[in-house]
């Protein structure tokens, strides 16, 4: 699978893990108060994991954008050099 999809895969995995954990806790034979505390604890962990994943995806996207901009700038410089060389050669021929 492509690298670009890894952020989406992680998000789905974490969502599934959170839903599974919540279902397991709700079906567990524990007191309501203890179950609610566990749900809150797991929700906080999941929120932190999703937040970290979002930061990683943002940083990766920023890096890709910066590299793309550099490539575009390099291509523009190469085009300009080629244009100048072509103009010089045309002037020599004429």
Protein backbone atom coordinates (compact mmCIF):
# COMPACT_ATOMS: atom_id res chain seq x y z
CA UNK A 1 0.00 0.00 0.00
CA UNK A 2 1.23 3.54 -0.68
CA UNK A 3 2.90 5.61 2.04
CA UNK A 4 0.25 8.31 1.69
CA UNK A 5 -2.40 5.90 2.99
CA UNK A 6 -0.57 5.06 6.23
CA UNK A 7 -2.12 8.01 8.11
CA UNK A 8 -5.59 6.92 7.07
CA UNK A 9 -4.84 3.31 8.01
CA UNK A 10 -3.62 4.37 11.43
CA UNK A 11 -6.74 6.45 12.00
CA UNK A 12 -9.01 3.51 11.12
CA UNK A 13 -6.97 1.17 13.31
CA UNK A 14 -7.16 3.51 16.30
CA UNK A 15 -10.89 4.06 15.77
CA UNK A 16 -11.47 0.31 15.65
CA UNK A 17 -9.35 -0.22 18.75
CA UNK A 18 -11.32 2.43 20.61
CA UNK A 19 -14.69 0.95 19.62
CA UNK A 20 -13.49 -2.54 20.54
CA UNK A 21 -12.19 -1.40 23.89
CA UNK A 22 -15.42 0.44 24.66
CA UNK A 23 -17.49 -2.62 23.74
CA UNK A 24 -15.32 -4.88 25.87
CA UNK A 25 -15.59 -2.57 28.85
CA UNK A 26 -19.34 -2.21 28.52
CA UNK A 27 -19.78 -5.98 28.40
CA UNK A 28 -17.34 -6.65 31.26
CA UNK A 29 -18.84 -7.73 34.61
CA UNK A 30 -17.59 -4.72 36.60
CA UNK A 31 -19.31 -1.93 38.48
CA UNK A 32 -20.66 1.00 36.50
CA UNK A 33 -18.36 3.50 38.19
CA UNK A 34 -15.24 1.47 37.48
CA UNK A 35 -16.34 0.88 33.90
CA UNK A 36 -16.94 4.61 33.37
CA UNK A 37 -13.47 5.41 34.76
CA UNK A 38 -11.92 2.88 32.39
CA UNK A 39 -13.88 4.31 29.46
CA UNK A 40 -12.70 7.83 30.27
CA UNK A 41 -9.11 6.60 30.61
CA UNK A 42 -9.24 4.78 27.28
CA UNK A 43 -10.93 7.74 25.60
CA UNK A 44 -8.15 10.05 26.78
CA UNK A 45 -5.49 7.65 25.49
CA UNK A 46 -7.26 7.36 22.15
CA UNK A 47 -7.62 11.11 21.87
CA UNK A 48 -3.90 11.55 22.54
CA UNK A 49 -3.01 8.87 19.99
CA UNK A 50 -5.26 10.44 17.35
CA UNK A 51 -3.82 13.86 18.08
CA UNK A 52 -0.26 12.55 17.71
CA UNK A 53 -1.22 10.79 14.48
CA UNK A 54 -2.69 14.03 13.17
CA UNK A 55 0.49 15.91 13.99
CA UNK A 56 2.57 13.29 12.21
CA UNK A 57 0.36 13.42 9.11
CA UNK A 58 0.54 17.24 9.14
CA UNK A 59 4.33 17.23 9.41
CA UNK A 60 4.66 14.64 6.65
CA UNK A 61 2.36 16.69 4.41
CA UNK A 62 4.35 19.83 5.14
CA UNK A 63 7.61 18.05 4.23
CA UNK A 64 6.11 16.77 0.97
CA UNK A 65 4.83 20.26 0.13
CA UNK A 66 8.24 21.81 0.82
CA UNK A 67 10.02 19.20 -1.33
CA UNK A 68 7.52 19.77 -4.13
CA UNK A 69 8.07 23.51 -3.98
CA UNK A 70 11.84 23.03 -4.16
CA UNK A 71 11.48 20.73 -7.17
CA UNK A 72 9.23 23.28 -8.89
CA UNK A 73 11.73 26.06 -8.22
CA UNK A 74 14.59 23.93 -9.57
CA UNK A 75 12.53 23.11 -12.67
CA UNK A 76 11.79 26.81 -13.23
CA UNK A 77 15.50 27.63 -12.96
CA UNK A 78 16.40 24.87 -15.41
CA UNK A 79 13.73 26.10 -17.82
CA UNK A 80 15.06 29.64 -17.59
CA UNK A 81 18.62 28.46 -18.25
CA UNK A 82 17.41 26.45 -21.24
CA UNK A 83 15.49 29.45 -22.56
CA UNK A 84 18.56 31.65 -22.30
CA UNK A 85 20.72 29.04 -24.02
CA UNK A 86 18.15 28.70 -26.81
CA UNK A 87 17.98 32.48 -27.27
CA UNK A 88 21.77 32.67 -27.38
CA UNK A 89 21.95 29.88 -29.97
CA UNK A 90 19.22 31.51 -32.09
CA UNK A 91 21.11 34.83 -31.97
CA UNK A 92 24.31 33.06 -33.07
CA UNK A 93 22.58 31.36 -35.99
CA UNK A 94 20.85 34.53 -37.16
